[in-house]
Amino acid sequence: MALPTLTGVGRLTADPELRFTPNGKAVASVPLAFNSRKLNRQTQEWEDGDVLYVRGSAWERLAENLVETLARGMEVMVTGELRTESWEKDGQKHERTALLIRSIAPSLAFATAKVTKQNGGQGGAQPGGQAQQGRPQQSRPTQPPADDPWATGYNEPPF
């Protein structure tokens, strides 16, 4: 049976933290909050409802890109599998719900983002392509890869 998948819009409650396993694999820890907000029609003020706090984790290139791009307070769209983390500390067993992040991106409702394709991958953010809330990103000029069919000025797609 597959683990449940969560797709939603949340907010980072702290800056993501990057660590490396003894084997050298990058892993990022991302504290997320998902809440229901409603407009109170009588007061015309937003009111927060229930909140779900989840610790997310991302691995390898996604982890590195995430740490370079996202920061505390940013609204993000995230997809991943929910799971239970278990550990023992001082003889006590502990458990918490966690999210194995498969995809995460800044919400463009309140931020702008400059996305830069990485060589040898399927795309993603790269240092210098950070999303920022409230102001446009200053970008560095980059050259597209020689094998990028979209960078050649065709008027029609190459398929």
C-alpha atoms as a PDB file:
ATOM      1  CA  MET A   1       0.000   0.000   0.000  1.00  0.00           C
ATOM      2  CA  ALA A   2       1.375   3.422  -0.970  1.00  0.00           C
ATOM      3  CA  LEU A   3       1.940   6.214   1.514  1.00  0.00           C
ATOM      4  CA  PRO A   4      -0.483   9.144   1.339  1.00  0.00           C
ATOM      5  CA  THR A   5       0.578  12.030  -0.886  1.00  0.00           C
ATOM      6  CA  LEU A   6       0.176  15.633   0.217  1.00  0.00           C
ATOM      7  CA  THR A   7      -0.003  18.498  -2.259  1.00  0.00           C
ATOM      8  CA  GLY A   8      -0.643  21.917  -0.825  1.00  0.00           C
ATOM      9  CA  VAL A   9       0.321  25.500  -0.231  1.00  0.00           C
ATOM     10  CA  GLY A  10       2.198  26.150   2.981  1.00  0.00           C
ATOM     11  CA  ARG A  11       4.680  28.533   4.534  1.00  0.00           C
ATOM     12  CA  LEU A  12       8.241  27.966   5.771  1.00  0.00           C
ATOM     13  CA  THR A  13       8.369  28.607   9.519  1.00  0.00           C
ATOM     14  CA  ALA A  14      12.198  28.790   9.529  1.00  0.00           C
ATOM     15  CA  ASP A  15      15.039  28.792   7.025  1.00  0.00           C
ATOM     16  CA  PRO A  16      15.733  25.337   5.571  1.00  0.00           C
ATOM     17  CA  GLU A  17      18.839  23.615   6.951  1.00  0.00           C
ATOM     18  CA  LEU A  18      21.273  21.620   4.807  1.00  0.00           C
ATOM     19  CA  ARG A  19      23.260  18.659   6.170  1.00  0.00           C
ATOM     20  CA  PHE A  20      25.223  15.869   4.553  1.00  0.00           C
ATOM     21  CA  THR A  21      25.056  12.144   5.335  1.00  0.00           C
ATOM     22  CA  PRO A  22      28.294  10.236   6.016  1.00  0.00           C
ATOM     23  CA  ASN A  23      28.056   9.061   2.369  1.00  0.00           C
ATOM     24  CA  GLY A  24      28.024  12.695   1.186  1.00  0.00           C
ATOM     25  CA  LYS A  25      24.341  12.939   0.194  1.00  0.00           C
ATOM     26  CA  ALA A  26      22.709  16.319   0.810  1.00  0.00           C
ATOM     27  CA  VAL A  27      19.545  16.409   2.913  1.00  0.00           C
ATOM     28  CA  ALA A  28      17.533  19.521   3.736  1.00  0.00           C
ATOM     29  CA  SER A  29      15.197  19.890   6.672  1.00  0.00           C
ATOM     30  CA  VAL A  30      12.236  22.186   5.984  1.00  0.00           C
ATOM     31  CA  PRO A  31       9.737  23.215   8.689  1.00  0.00           C
ATOM     32  CA  LEU A  32       6.328  23.858   7.075  1.00  0.00           C
ATOM     33  CA  ALA A  33       2.966  25.150   8.283  1.00  0.00           C
ATOM     34  CA  PHE A  34      -0.310  24.604   6.440  1.00  0.00           C
ATOM     35  CA  ASN A  35      -3.289  26.580   7.689  1.00  0.00           C
ATOM     36  CA  SER A  36      -6.802  27.482   6.734  1.00  0.00           C
ATOM     37  CA  ARG A  37      -7.413  31.212   6.542  1.00  0.00           C
ATOM     38  CA  LYS A  38     -10.845  32.705   6.126  1.00  0.00           C
ATOM     39  CA  LEU A  39     -12.079  36.230   5.575  1.00  0.00           C
ATOM     40  CA  ASN A  40     -14.448  37.230   8.369  1.00  0.00           C
ATOM     41  CA  ARG A  41     -17.158  39.044   6.412  1.00  0.00           C
ATOM     42  CA  GLN A  42     -18.316  41.020   9.447  1.00  0.00           C
ATOM     43  CA  THR A  43     -14.908  42.465  10.385  1.00  0.00           C
ATOM     44  CA  GLN A  44     -13.324  42.202   6.897  1.00  0.00           C
ATOM     45  CA  GLU A  45     -10.220  40.723   8.598  1.00  0.00           C
ATOM     46  CA  TRP A  46      -8.431  37.479   7.846  1.00  0.00           C
ATOM     47  CA  GLU A  47      -8.620  34.847  10.583  1.00  0.00           C
ATOM     48  CA  ASP A  48      -6.369  31.820  10.915  1.00  0.00           C
ATOM     49  CA  GLY A  49      -7.985  28.439  11.404  1.00  0.00           C
ATOM     50  CA  ASP A  50      -6.403  25.110  12.245  1.00  0.00           C
ATOM     51  CA  VAL A  51      -2.683  24.709  11.523  1.00  0.00           C
ATOM     52  CA  LEU A  52      -0.799  21.562  10.505  1.00  0.00           C
ATOM     53  CA  TYR A  53       2.938  21.743  11.242  1.00  0.00           C
ATOM     54  CA  VAL A  54       5.070  19.253   9.324  1.00  0.00           C
ATOM     55  CA  ARG A  55       8.822  18.730   9.126  1.00  0.00           C
ATOM     56  CA  GLY A  56       9.743  18.193   5.488  1.00  0.00           C
ATOM     57  CA  SER A  57      12.927  16.678   4.120  1.00  0.00           C
ATOM     58  CA  ALA A  58      14.403  16.790   0.641  1.00  0.00           C
ATOM     59  CA  TRP A  59      17.418  14.933  -0.737  1.00  0.00           C
ATOM     60  CA  GLU A  60      20.346  15.480  -3.092  1.00  0.00           C
ATOM     61  CA  ARG A  61      20.016  18.190  -5.772  1.00  0.00           C
ATOM     62  CA  LEU A  62      16.507  19.148  -4.652  1.00  0.00           C
ATOM     63  CA  ALA A  63      17.848  19.726  -1.122  1.00  0.00           C
ATOM     64  CA  GLU A  64      20.675  21.963  -2.324  1.00  0.00           C
ATOM     65  CA  ASN A  65      18.418  23.961  -4.672  1.00  0.00           C
ATOM     66  CA  LEU A  66      15.780  24.364  -1.974  1.00  0.00           C
ATOM     67  CA  VAL A  67      18.261  25.782   0.550  1.00  0.00           C
ATOM     68  CA  GLU A  68      19.625  28.228  -2.044  1.00  0.00           C
ATOM     69  CA  THR A  69      16.146  29.386  -3.108  1.00  0.00           C
ATOM     70  CA  LEU A  70      13.717  29.378  -0.168  1.00  0.00           C
ATOM     71  CA  ALA A  71      13.690  31.213   3.158  1.00  0.00           C
ATOM     72  CA  ARG A  72      11.616  31.613   6.304  1.00  0.00           C
ATOM     73  CA  GLY A  73       8.179  33.105   5.733  1.00  0.00           C
ATOM     74  CA  MET A  74       7.943  32.244   2.048  1.00  0.00           C
ATOM     75  CA  GLU A  75       4.756  30.683   0.734  1.00  0.00           C
ATOM     76  CA  VAL A  76       5.463  27.473  -1.199  1.00  0.00           C
ATOM     77  CA  MET A  77       3.662  24.840  -3.197  1.00  0.00           C
ATOM     78  CA  VAL A  78       4.842  21.406  -2.113  1.00  0.00           C
ATOM     79  CA  THR A  79       4.179  17.764  -2.979  1.00  0.00           C
ATOM     80  CA  GLY A  80       5.453  14.717  -1.145  1.00  0.00           C
ATOM     81  CA  GLU A  81       4.659  11.548   0.771  1.00  0.00           C
ATOM     82  CA  LEU A  82       3.529  11.659   4.381  1.00  0.00           C
ATOM     83  CA  ARG A  83       5.270   9.229   6.706  1.00  0.00           C
ATOM     84  CA  THR A  84       5.910   8.670  10.381  1.00  0.00           C
ATOM     85  CA  GLU A  85       9.391   9.302  11.813  1.00  0.00           C
ATOM     86  CA  SER A  86      10.232   7.350  14.943  1.00  0.00           C
ATOM     87  CA  TRP A  87      13.166   7.716  17.340  1.00  0.00           C
ATOM     88  CA  GLU A  88      14.151   7.034  20.909  1.00  0.00           C
ATOM     89  CA  LYS A  89      15.639   9.641  23.241  1.00  0.00           C
ATOM     90  CA  ASP A  90      16.438   9.167  26.913  1.00  0.00           C
ATOM     91  CA  GLY A  91      14.521   5.891  26.913  1.00  0.00           C
ATOM     92  CA  GLN A  92      11.366   7.504  25.540  1.00  0.00           C
ATOM     93  CA  LYS A  93       9.921   6.627  22.148  1.00  0.00           C
ATOM     94  CA  HIS A  94       8.852   9.546  19.980  1.00  0.00           C
ATOM     95  CA  GLU A  95       6.952   9.821  16.699  1.00  0.00           C
ATOM     96  CA  ARG A  96       5.961  12.645  14.386  1.00  0.00           C
ATOM     97  CA  THR A  97       4.429  13.068  10.965  1.00  0.00           C
ATOM     98  CA  ALA A  98       6.984  14.041   8.319  1.00  0.00           C
ATOM     99  CA  LEU A  99       6.880  14.878   4.633  1.00  0.00           C
ATOM    100  CA  LEU A 100       9.318  13.420   2.105  1.00  0.00           C
ATOM    101  CA  ILE A 101       9.370  16.300  -0.382  1.00  0.00           C
ATOM    102  CA  ARG A 102       9.300  15.369  -4.071  1.00  0.00           C
ATOM    103  CA  SER A 103       8.663  18.881  -5.419  1.00  0.00           C
ATOM    104  CA  ILE A 104       8.664  22.354  -3.870  1.00  0.00           C
ATOM    105  CA  ALA A 105       8.491  25.832  -5.387  1.00  0.00           C
ATOM    106  CA  PRO A 106       7.823  29.394  -4.295  1.00  0.00           C
ATOM    107  CA  SER A 107       4.255  30.588  -4.721  1.00  0.00           C
ATOM    108  CA  LEU A 108       4.216  33.359  -7.296  1.00  0.00           C
ATOM    109  CA  ALA A 109       1.163  34.938  -5.663  1.00  0.00           C
ATOM    110  CA  PHE A 110       3.446  36.945  -3.352  1.00  0.00           C
ATOM    111  CA  ALA A 111       6.930  36.592  -4.849  1.00  0.00           C
ATOM    112  CA  THR A 112       8.848  36.599  -8.093  1.00  0.00           C
ATOM    113  CA  ALA A 113      11.281  33.893  -9.094  1.00  0.00           C
ATOM    114  CA  LYS A 114      14.049  33.602 -11.672  1.00  0.00           C
ATOM    115  CA  VAL A 115      14.542  29.969 -12.659  1.00  0.00           C
ATOM    116  CA  THR A 116      17.823  28.818 -14.167  1.00  0.00           C
ATOM    117  CA  LYS A 117      18.176  25.403 -15.773  1.00  0.00           C
ATOM    118  CA  GLN A 118      21.093  23.365 -14.468  1.00  0.00           C
ATOM    119  CA  ASN A 119      23.345  21.450 -16.845  1.00  0.00           C
ATOM    120  CA  GLY A 120      22.922  17.688 -16.798  1.00  0.00           C
ATOM    121  CA  GLY A 121      19.601  17.758 -14.994  1.00  0.00           C
ATOM    122  CA  GLN A 122      15.940  18.162 -15.615  1.00  0.00           C
ATOM    123  CA  GLY A 123      15.899  21.778 -14.495  1.00  0.00           C
ATOM    124  CA  GLY A 124      15.493  23.581 -11.251  1.00  0.00           C
ATOM    125  CA  ALA A 125      16.682  26.602  -9.396  1.00  0.00           C
ATOM    126  CA  GLN A 126      20.333  27.368  -9.059  1.00  0.00           C
ATOM    127  CA  PRO A 127      22.284  29.833  -6.913  1.00  0.00           C
ATOM    128  CA  GLY A 128      21.473  33.261  -8.271  1.00  0.00           C
ATOM    129  CA  GLY A 129      17.947  32.094  -9.194  1.00  0.00           C
ATOM    130  CA  GLN A 130      16.539  32.755  -5.750  1.00  0.00           C
ATOM    131  CA  ALA A 131      12.937  33.708  -5.219  1.00  0.00           C
ATOM    132  CA  GLN A 132      12.407  36.895  -3.308  1.00  0.00           C
ATOM    133  CA  GLN A 133       9.260  38.264  -1.759  1.00  0.00           C
ATOM    134  CA  GLY A 134       8.368  41.768  -2.828  1.00  0.00           C
ATOM    135  CA  ARG A 135      11.130  42.609  -5.312  1.00  0.00           C
ATOM    136  CA  PRO A 136      12.342  41.232  -8.645  1.00  0.00           C
ATOM    137  CA  GLN A 137      15.480  39.120  -8.778  1.00  0.00           C
ATOM    138  CA  GLN A 138      18.608  40.652 -10.274  1.00  0.00           C
ATOM    139  CA  SER A 139      19.803  38.034 -12.715  1.00  0.00           C
ATOM    140  CA  ARG A 140      23.208  37.247 -14.146  1.00  0.00           C
ATOM    141  CA  PRO A 141      23.444  36.736 -17.894  1.00  0.00           C
ATOM    142  CA  THR A 142      23.762  33.054 -18.702  1.00  0.00           C
ATOM    143  CA  GLN A 143      24.395  31.150 -21.892  1.00  0.00           C
ATOM    144  CA  PRO A 144      21.961  28.333 -22.711  1.00  0.00           C
ATOM    145  CA  PRO A 145      23.448  24.871 -23.217  1.00  0.00           C
ATOM    146  CA  ALA A 146      24.434  24.142 -26.823  1.00  0.00           C
ATOM    147  CA  ASP A 147      21.994  21.204 -26.988  1.00  0.00           C
ATOM    148  CA  ASP A 148      18.985  23.257 -25.756  1.00  0.00           C
ATOM    149  CA  PRO A 149      16.484  23.281 -28.680  1.00  0.00           C
ATOM    150  CA  TRP A 150      14.458  26.116 -27.090  1.00  0.00           C
ATOM    151  CA  ALA A 151      17.432  28.489 -27.090  1.00  0.00           C
ATOM    152  CA  THR A 152      17.955  28.569 -30.855  1.00  0.00           C
ATOM    153  CA  GLY A 153      15.267  31.091 -31.796  1.00  0.00           C
ATOM    154  CA  TYR A 154      12.920  28.694 -33.592  1.00  0.00           C
ATOM    155  CA  ASN A 155       9.406  29.999 -34.028  1.00  0.00           C
ATOM    156  CA  GLU A 156       8.019  26.497 -33.713  1.00  0.00           C
ATOM    157  CA  PRO A 157       8.721  23.743 -31.175  1.00  0.00           C
ATOM    158  CA  PRO A 158      11.341  21.178 -32.313  1.00  0.00           C
ATOM    159  CA  PHE A 159       8.882  18.225 -32.309  1.00  0.00           C
END
